[in-house]
Amino acid sequence: MKSYSELLEANKEWAAEMLSVDPSFFNKLAETQTPEFLWIGCSDSRVPANQITGTNPGEIFVHRNIANLVVHTDVNMLSVLEYAVVHLKVKHVIVCGHYGCGGVKAAMGNNDFNQILNMWLRVIKDVYKDNRAELEAIADENERADRLVELNVREQAEKLCKTSIIQKAWSNRQGPEIHGWVYGLKDGKLKEVINIKPGETVIDPVYVYDNI
């Protein structure tokens, strides 16, 4: 059996298992989605949002990209953010990175990955540059990379606060709360790096809109 065929067979088994537990599972799931969380995570296949948080389908709205970046020109990410915040009215937005992130490690070096990846990784290089003194004081390369993962998560969480989407939501409904987490591949545990309450001042005033 081809590997993709195995996925189809596994899907049949999973669907049957869900129905055996709750015969109305899929009918209820098809009616509507009211997730409380938006998850902006890394595309890494080892970091599936539902499994590591113990949640079910329908409970987390998910966007993933390489190294869990919040890029102000990324229409894909912004459309997900706007839909989740404005229409689904999620209560929490979580940026989740992970230790051992290949994107972060790649950004620490000087290899040419061709234009598209170079452009994407430059966002992380900017985080490295802004925190160079702290990072280069860490002798062990893996520990330095892990610290950059944490700093990158913090930076992306703060960048969410620069969007008019979040600022309008904070003005209109005092939500959502912003979280920055890091997942440990070696122990399966989540670590909180930053928690931003609605309206907290974590960004320079130049990024704050006064006509929201």
C-alpha atoms as a PDB file:
ATOM      1  CA  MET A   1       0.000   0.000   0.000  1.00  0.00           C
ATOM      2  CA  LYS A   2       1.281   3.476  -0.914  1.00  0.00           C
ATOM      3  CA  SER A   3       1.861   5.893   1.935  1.00  0.00           C
ATOM      4  CA  TYR A   4      -0.927   8.220   0.804  1.00  0.00           C
ATOM      5  CA  SER A   5      -3.322   5.255   0.703  1.00  0.00           C
ATOM      6  CA  GLU A   6      -2.439   4.523   4.295  1.00  0.00           C
ATOM      7  CA  LEU A   7      -3.622   8.021   5.182  1.00  0.00           C
ATOM      8  CA  LEU A   8      -6.985   7.366   3.559  1.00  0.00           C
ATOM      9  CA  GLU A   9      -7.367   4.081   5.418  1.00  0.00           C
ATOM     10  CA  ALA A  10      -6.355   5.704   8.697  1.00  0.00           C
ATOM     11  CA  ASN A  11      -8.988   8.374   8.081  1.00  0.00           C
ATOM     12  CA  LYS A  12     -11.700   5.708   7.744  1.00  0.00           C
ATOM     13  CA  GLU A  13     -10.600   4.125  11.000  1.00  0.00           C
ATOM     14  CA  TRP A  14     -10.542   7.483  12.780  1.00  0.00           C
ATOM     15  CA  ALA A  15     -14.013   8.443  11.506  1.00  0.00           C
ATOM     16  CA  ALA A  16     -15.417   5.100  12.610  1.00  0.00           C
ATOM     17  CA  GLU A  17     -13.823   5.487  16.039  1.00  0.00           C
ATOM     18  CA  MET A  18     -15.307   8.969  16.471  1.00  0.00           C
ATOM     19  CA  LEU A  19     -18.765   7.693  15.566  1.00  0.00           C
ATOM     20  CA  SER A  20     -18.466   4.766  17.954  1.00  0.00           C
ATOM     21  CA  VAL A  21     -17.816   7.214  20.789  1.00  0.00           C
ATOM     22  CA  ASP A  22     -20.421   9.789  19.692  1.00  0.00           C
ATOM     23  CA  PRO A  23     -22.789   8.976  16.787  1.00  0.00           C
ATOM     24  CA  SER A  24     -23.600  12.701  16.391  1.00  0.00           C
ATOM     25  CA  PHE A  25     -19.945  13.845  16.417  1.00  0.00           C
ATOM     26  CA  PHE A  26     -19.716  14.895  12.774  1.00  0.00           C
ATOM     27  CA  ASN A  27     -23.233  16.343  12.657  1.00  0.00           C
ATOM     28  CA  LYS A  28     -22.389  18.633  15.568  1.00  0.00           C
ATOM     29  CA  LEU A  29     -19.014  19.503  14.063  1.00  0.00           C
ATOM     30  CA  ALA A  30     -20.590  20.445  10.732  1.00  0.00           C
ATOM     31  CA  GLU A  31     -23.087  22.863  12.274  1.00  0.00           C
ATOM     32  CA  THR A  32     -20.750  25.677  13.273  1.00  0.00           C
ATOM     33  CA  GLN A  33     -17.341  26.493  14.683  1.00  0.00           C
ATOM     34  CA  THR A  34     -16.909  28.647  17.759  1.00  0.00           C
ATOM     35  CA  PRO A  35     -13.236  28.314  18.682  1.00  0.00           C
ATOM     36  CA  GLU A  36     -11.911  30.256  21.620  1.00  0.00           C
ATOM     37  CA  PHE A  37      -8.339  30.231  20.315  1.00  0.00           C
ATOM     38  CA  LEU A  38      -6.385  31.286  17.248  1.00  0.00           C
ATOM     39  CA  TRP A  39      -3.106  29.388  16.939  1.00  0.00           C
ATOM     40  CA  ILE A  40      -0.274  30.875  14.860  1.00  0.00           C
ATOM     41  CA  GLY A  41       2.272  28.098  14.796  1.00  0.00           C
ATOM     42  CA  CYS A  42       5.183  26.661  12.884  1.00  0.00           C
ATOM     43  CA  SER A  43       4.557  24.431   9.860  1.00  0.00           C
ATOM     44  CA  ASP A  44       6.815  21.781  11.411  1.00  0.00           C
ATOM     45  CA  SER A  45       4.973  18.443  11.277  1.00  0.00           C
ATOM     46  CA  ARG A  46       6.061  17.630  14.837  1.00  0.00           C
ATOM     47  CA  VAL A  47       3.995  20.454  16.358  1.00  0.00           C
ATOM     48  CA  PRO A  48       0.284  19.728  15.727  1.00  0.00           C
ATOM     49  CA  ALA A  49      -1.857  22.230  17.632  1.00  0.00           C
ATOM     50  CA  ASN A  50      -4.742  19.952  18.632  1.00  0.00           C
ATOM     51  CA  GLN A  51      -2.633  17.025  19.788  1.00  0.00           C
ATOM     52  CA  ILE A  52      -0.211  18.951  21.986  1.00  0.00           C
ATOM     53  CA  THR A  53      -3.002  20.955  23.643  1.00  0.00           C
ATOM     54  CA  GLY A  54      -5.378  18.027  24.055  1.00  0.00           C
ATOM     55  CA  THR A  55      -8.163  19.796  22.168  1.00  0.00           C
ATOM     56  CA  ASN A  56     -10.732  18.487  19.711  1.00  0.00           C
ATOM     57  CA  PRO A  57     -11.548  19.560  16.142  1.00  0.00           C
ATOM     58  CA  GLY A  58     -13.433  22.852  16.234  1.00  0.00           C
ATOM     59  CA  GLU A  59     -11.736  24.214  19.339  1.00  0.00           C
ATOM     60  CA  ILE A  60      -8.684  25.905  17.770  1.00  0.00           C
ATOM     61  CA  PHE A  61      -8.539  28.007  14.600  1.00  0.00           C
ATOM     62  CA  VAL A  62      -5.094  27.401  13.090  1.00  0.00           C
ATOM     63  CA  HIS A  63      -2.616  29.224  10.869  1.00  0.00           C
ATOM     64  CA  ARG A  64       0.876  27.829  10.337  1.00  0.00           C
ATOM     65  CA  ASN A  65       3.970  29.011   8.507  1.00  0.00           C
ATOM     66  CA  ILE A  66       7.716  28.521   8.705  1.00  0.00           C
ATOM     67  CA  ALA A  67       8.921  29.661  12.136  1.00  0.00           C
ATOM     68  CA  ASN A  68       5.505  31.048  13.202  1.00  0.00           C
ATOM     69  CA  LEU A  69       6.050  34.547  11.839  1.00  0.00           C
ATOM     70  CA  VAL A  70       3.732  37.553  11.930  1.00  0.00           C
ATOM     71  CA  VAL A  71       4.655  39.497   8.792  1.00  0.00           C
ATOM     72  CA  HIS A  72       2.792  42.753   8.172  1.00  0.00           C
ATOM     73  CA  THR A  73       2.623  42.112   4.403  1.00  0.00           C
ATOM     74  CA  ASP A  74       1.442  38.492   4.698  1.00  0.00           C
ATOM     75  CA  VAL A  75      -2.147  38.649   3.445  1.00  0.00           C
ATOM     76  CA  ASN A  76      -2.645  34.963   4.243  1.00  0.00           C
ATOM     77  CA  MET A  77      -1.816  35.382   7.926  1.00  0.00           C
ATOM     78  CA  LEU A  78      -3.679  38.685   8.192  1.00  0.00           C
ATOM     79  CA  SER A  79      -6.836  37.269   6.615  1.00  0.00           C
ATOM     80  CA  VAL A  80      -6.794  34.419   9.147  1.00  0.00           C
ATOM     81  CA  LEU A  81      -6.198  36.889  11.972  1.00  0.00           C
ATOM     82  CA  GLU A  82      -9.028  39.171  10.869  1.00  0.00           C
ATOM     83  CA  TYR A  83     -11.500  36.338  10.414  1.00  0.00           C
ATOM     84  CA  ALA A  84     -10.639  34.822  13.778  1.00  0.00           C
ATOM     85  CA  VAL A  85     -10.684  38.101  15.695  1.00  0.00           C
ATOM     86  CA  VAL A  86     -13.504  39.978  13.966  1.00  0.00           C
ATOM     87  CA  HIS A  87     -15.895  37.209  12.942  1.00  0.00           C
ATOM     88  CA  LEU A  88     -15.140  34.272  15.244  1.00  0.00           C
ATOM     89  CA  LYS A  89     -14.314  36.647  18.094  1.00  0.00           C
ATOM     90  CA  VAL A  90     -11.643  34.411  19.583  1.00  0.00           C
ATOM     91  CA  LYS A  91     -10.653  35.208  23.148  1.00  0.00           C
ATOM     92  CA  HIS A  92      -6.989  34.264  22.790  1.00  0.00           C
ATOM     93  CA  VAL A  93      -4.368  34.470  20.042  1.00  0.00           C
ATOM     94  CA  ILE A  94      -1.408  32.162  20.598  1.00  0.00           C
ATOM     95  CA  VAL A  95       1.912  32.419  18.780  1.00  0.00           C
ATOM     96  CA  CYS A  96       3.647  29.080  19.328  1.00  0.00           C
ATOM     97  CA  GLY A  97       7.216  28.314  18.349  1.00  0.00           C
ATOM     98  CA  HIS A  98       9.253  25.248  19.206  1.00  0.00           C
ATOM     99  CA  TYR A  99      12.766  24.441  20.289  1.00  0.00           C
ATOM    100  CA  GLY A 100      14.875  22.924  17.532  1.00  0.00           C
ATOM    101  CA  CYS A 101      13.134  25.035  14.878  1.00  0.00           C
ATOM    102  CA  GLY A 102      14.883  24.578  11.527  1.00  0.00           C
ATOM    103  CA  GLY A 103      13.815  28.011  10.311  1.00  0.00           C
ATOM    104  CA  VAL A 104      15.361  29.710  13.323  1.00  0.00           C
ATOM    105  CA  LYS A 105      18.584  27.724  12.979  1.00  0.00           C
ATOM    106  CA  ALA A 106      18.767  28.571   9.275  1.00  0.00           C
ATOM    107  CA  ALA A 107      18.335  32.261  10.020  1.00  0.00           C
ATOM    108  CA  MET A 108      21.318  32.170  12.372  1.00  0.00           C
ATOM    109  CA  GLY A 109      23.663  31.205   9.547  1.00  0.00           C
ATOM    110  CA  ASN A 110      24.772  32.767   6.295  1.00  0.00           C
ATOM    111  CA  ASN A 111      23.687  30.155   3.772  1.00  0.00           C
ATOM    112  CA  ASP A 112      21.884  31.333   0.661  1.00  0.00           C
ATOM    113  CA  PHE A 113      18.486  29.571   0.503  1.00  0.00           C
ATOM    114  CA  ASN A 114      17.402  31.446  -2.651  1.00  0.00           C
ATOM    115  CA  GLN A 115      15.222  34.501  -2.770  1.00  0.00           C
ATOM    116  CA  ILE A 116      11.898  33.407  -1.286  1.00  0.00           C
ATOM    117  CA  LEU A 117      13.330  31.649   1.762  1.00  0.00           C
ATOM    118  CA  ASN A 118      15.974  34.338   2.191  1.00  0.00           C
ATOM    119  CA  MET A 119      13.203  36.953   2.324  1.00  0.00           C
ATOM    120  CA  TRP A 120      11.221  34.955   4.866  1.00  0.00           C
ATOM    121  CA  LEU A 121      14.167  34.151   7.119  1.00  0.00           C
ATOM    122  CA  ARG A 122      15.292  37.767   7.158  1.00  0.00           C
ATOM    123  CA  VAL A 123      12.466  38.482   9.608  1.00  0.00           C
ATOM    124  CA  ILE A 124      14.183  36.156  12.088  1.00  0.00           C
ATOM    125  CA  LYS A 125      17.600  37.605  11.267  1.00  0.00           C
ATOM    126  CA  ASP A 126      16.215  40.986  12.343  1.00  0.00           C
ATOM    127  CA  VAL A 127      15.293  39.475  15.717  1.00  0.00           C
ATOM    128  CA  TYR A 128      18.830  38.093  16.009  1.00  0.00           C
ATOM    129  CA  LYS A 129      20.343  41.480  15.144  1.00  0.00           C
ATOM    130  CA  ASP A 130      18.210  43.297  17.710  1.00  0.00           C
ATOM    131  CA  ASN A 131      19.265  40.830  20.422  1.00  0.00           C
ATOM    132  CA  ARG A 132      22.816  40.139  19.260  1.00  0.00           C
ATOM    133  CA  ALA A 133      24.564  40.961  22.548  1.00  0.00           C
ATOM    134  CA  GLU A 134      22.404  38.580  24.579  1.00  0.00           C
ATOM    135  CA  LEU A 135      22.533  35.795  22.008  1.00  0.00           C
ATOM    136  CA  GLU A 136      26.256  35.891  21.348  1.00  0.00           C
ATOM    137  CA  ALA A 137      26.923  35.756  25.079  1.00  0.00           C
ATOM    138  CA  ILE A 138      25.536  32.188  24.935  1.00  0.00           C
ATOM    139  CA  ALA A 139      28.431  29.912  23.996  1.00  0.00           C
ATOM    140  CA  ASP A 140      26.491  26.748  23.182  1.00  0.00           C
ATOM    141  CA  GLU A 141      24.991  26.987  19.693  1.00  0.00           C
ATOM    142  CA  ASN A 142      21.903  24.906  20.491  1.00  0.00           C
ATOM    143  CA  GLU A 143      21.161  26.929  23.616  1.00  0.00           C
ATOM    144  CA  ARG A 144      21.603  30.109  21.576  1.00  0.00           C
ATOM    145  CA  ALA A 145      19.147  28.810  18.992  1.00  0.00           C
ATOM    146  CA  ASP A 146      16.639  27.933  21.718  1.00  0.00           C
ATOM    147  CA  ARG A 147      16.900  31.424  23.132  1.00  0.00           C
ATOM    148  CA  LEU A 148      16.347  32.893  19.659  1.00  0.00           C
ATOM    149  CA  VAL A 149      13.220  30.746  19.384  1.00  0.00           C
ATOM    150  CA  GLU A 150      11.922  32.395  22.561  1.00  0.00           C
ATOM    151  CA  LEU A 151      12.868  35.887  21.427  1.00  0.00           C
ATOM    152  CA  ASN A 152      11.269  35.271  18.047  1.00  0.00           C
ATOM    153  CA  VAL A 153       8.004  34.198  19.670  1.00  0.00           C
ATOM    154  CA  ARG A 154       8.033  37.308  21.842  1.00  0.00           C
ATOM    155  CA  GLU A 155       8.681  39.523  18.824  1.00  0.00           C
ATOM    156  CA  GLN A 156       5.867  37.970  16.774  1.00  0.00           C
ATOM    157  CA  ALA A 157       3.407  38.274  19.660  1.00  0.00           C
ATOM    158  CA  GLU A 158       4.272  41.950  20.032  1.00  0.00           C
ATOM    159  CA  LYS A 159       3.898  42.457  16.279  1.00  0.00           C
ATOM    160  CA  LEU A 160       0.300  41.290  16.535  1.00  0.00           C
ATOM    161  CA  CYS A 161      -0.324  44.307  18.743  1.00  0.00           C
ATOM    162  CA  LYS A 162       0.867  46.572  15.918  1.00  0.00           C
ATOM    163  CA  THR A 163      -2.018  45.503  13.676  1.00  0.00           C
ATOM    164  CA  SER A 164      -5.170  47.559  13.432  1.00  0.00           C
ATOM    165  CA  ILE A 165      -7.064  44.253  13.667  1.00  0.00           C
ATOM    166  CA  ILE A 166      -5.957  43.679  17.252  1.00  0.00           C
ATOM    167  CA  GLN A 167      -6.113  47.337  18.223  1.00  0.00           C
ATOM    168  CA  LYS A 168      -9.718  47.643  16.992  1.00  0.00           C
ATOM    169  CA  ALA A 169     -10.721  44.493  18.829  1.00  0.00           C
ATOM    170  CA  TRP A 170      -9.143  45.788  22.012  1.00  0.00           C
ATOM    171  CA  SER A 171     -11.066  49.038  21.621  1.00  0.00           C
ATOM    172  CA  ASN A 172     -14.384  47.369  20.762  1.00  0.00           C
ATOM    173  CA  ARG A 173     -14.492  44.342  23.049  1.00  0.00           C
ATOM    174  CA  GLN A 174     -11.364  44.368  25.247  1.00  0.00           C
ATOM    175  CA  GLY A 175     -10.040  41.202  23.633  1.00  0.00           C
ATOM    176  CA  PRO A 176      -8.338  39.015  22.585  1.00  0.00           C
ATOM    177  CA  GLU A 177      -5.473  38.248  24.914  1.00  0.00           C
ATOM    178  CA  ILE A 178      -2.125  37.581  23.191  1.00  0.00           C
ATOM    179  CA  HIS A 179       0.118  34.695  24.223  1.00  0.00           C
ATOM    180  CA  GLY A 180       3.595  33.597  23.197  1.00  0.00           C
ATOM    181  CA  TRP A 181       4.456  29.955  23.850  1.00  0.00           C
ATOM    182  CA  VAL A 182       7.314  27.597  23.003  1.00  0.00           C
ATOM    183  CA  TYR A 183       6.859  23.842  22.625  1.00  0.00           C
ATOM    184  CA  GLY A 184       9.576  21.418  23.671  1.00  0.00           C
ATOM    185  CA  LEU A 185      10.101  18.595  21.199  1.00  0.00           C
ATOM    186  CA  LYS A 186      12.077  16.649  23.788  1.00  0.00           C
ATOM    187  CA  ASP A 187       9.534  16.753  26.612  1.00  0.00           C
ATOM    188  CA  GLY A 188       6.243  17.657  24.907  1.00  0.00           C
ATOM    189  CA  LYS A 189       5.647  20.611  27.227  1.00  0.00           C
ATOM    190  CA  LEU A 190       4.579  24.175  26.455  1.00  0.00           C
ATOM    191  CA  LYS A 191       6.397  27.126  28.011  1.00  0.00           C
ATOM    192  CA  GLU A 192       4.865  30.587  28.265  1.00  0.00           C
ATOM    193  CA  VAL A 193       7.201  33.331  27.044  1.00  0.00           C
ATOM    194  CA  ILE A 194       4.897  36.336  27.025  1.00  0.00           C
ATOM    195  CA  ASN A 195       1.309  37.175  27.932  1.00  0.00           C
ATOM    196  CA  ILE A 196      -0.206  40.453  26.722  1.00  0.00           C
ATOM    197  CA  LYS A 197      -3.495  41.665  28.167  1.00  0.00           C
ATOM    198  CA  PRO A 198      -5.806  43.796  25.976  1.00  0.00           C
ATOM    199  CA  GLY A 199      -4.581  47.374  25.882  1.00  0.00           C
ATOM    200  CA  GLU A 200      -1.193  46.721  27.461  1.00  0.00           C
ATOM    201  CA  THR A 201       1.564  48.996  26.200  1.00  0.00           C
ATOM    202  CA  VAL A 202       4.201  46.729  24.658  1.00  0.00           C
ATOM    203  CA  ILE A 203       4.849  48.579  21.395  1.00  0.00           C
ATOM    204  CA  ASP A 204       6.250  51.973  20.470  1.00  0.00           C
ATOM    205  CA  PRO A 205       3.545  54.682  20.241  1.00  0.00           C
ATOM    206  CA  VAL A 206       4.326  55.202  16.544  1.00  0.00           C
ATOM    207  CA  TYR A 207       2.529  51.899  15.863  1.00  0.00           C
ATOM    208  CA  VAL A 208      -0.631  52.881  17.762  1.00  0.00           C
ATOM    209  CA  TYR A 209      -3.587  54.098  15.666  1.00  0.00           C
ATOM    210  CA  ASP A 210      -5.532  56.991  17.174  1.00  0.00           C
ATOM    211  CA  ASN A 211      -8.581  56.802  14.887  1.00  0.00           C
ATOM    212  CA  ILE A 212      -9.614  53.217  15.649  1.00  0.00           C
END
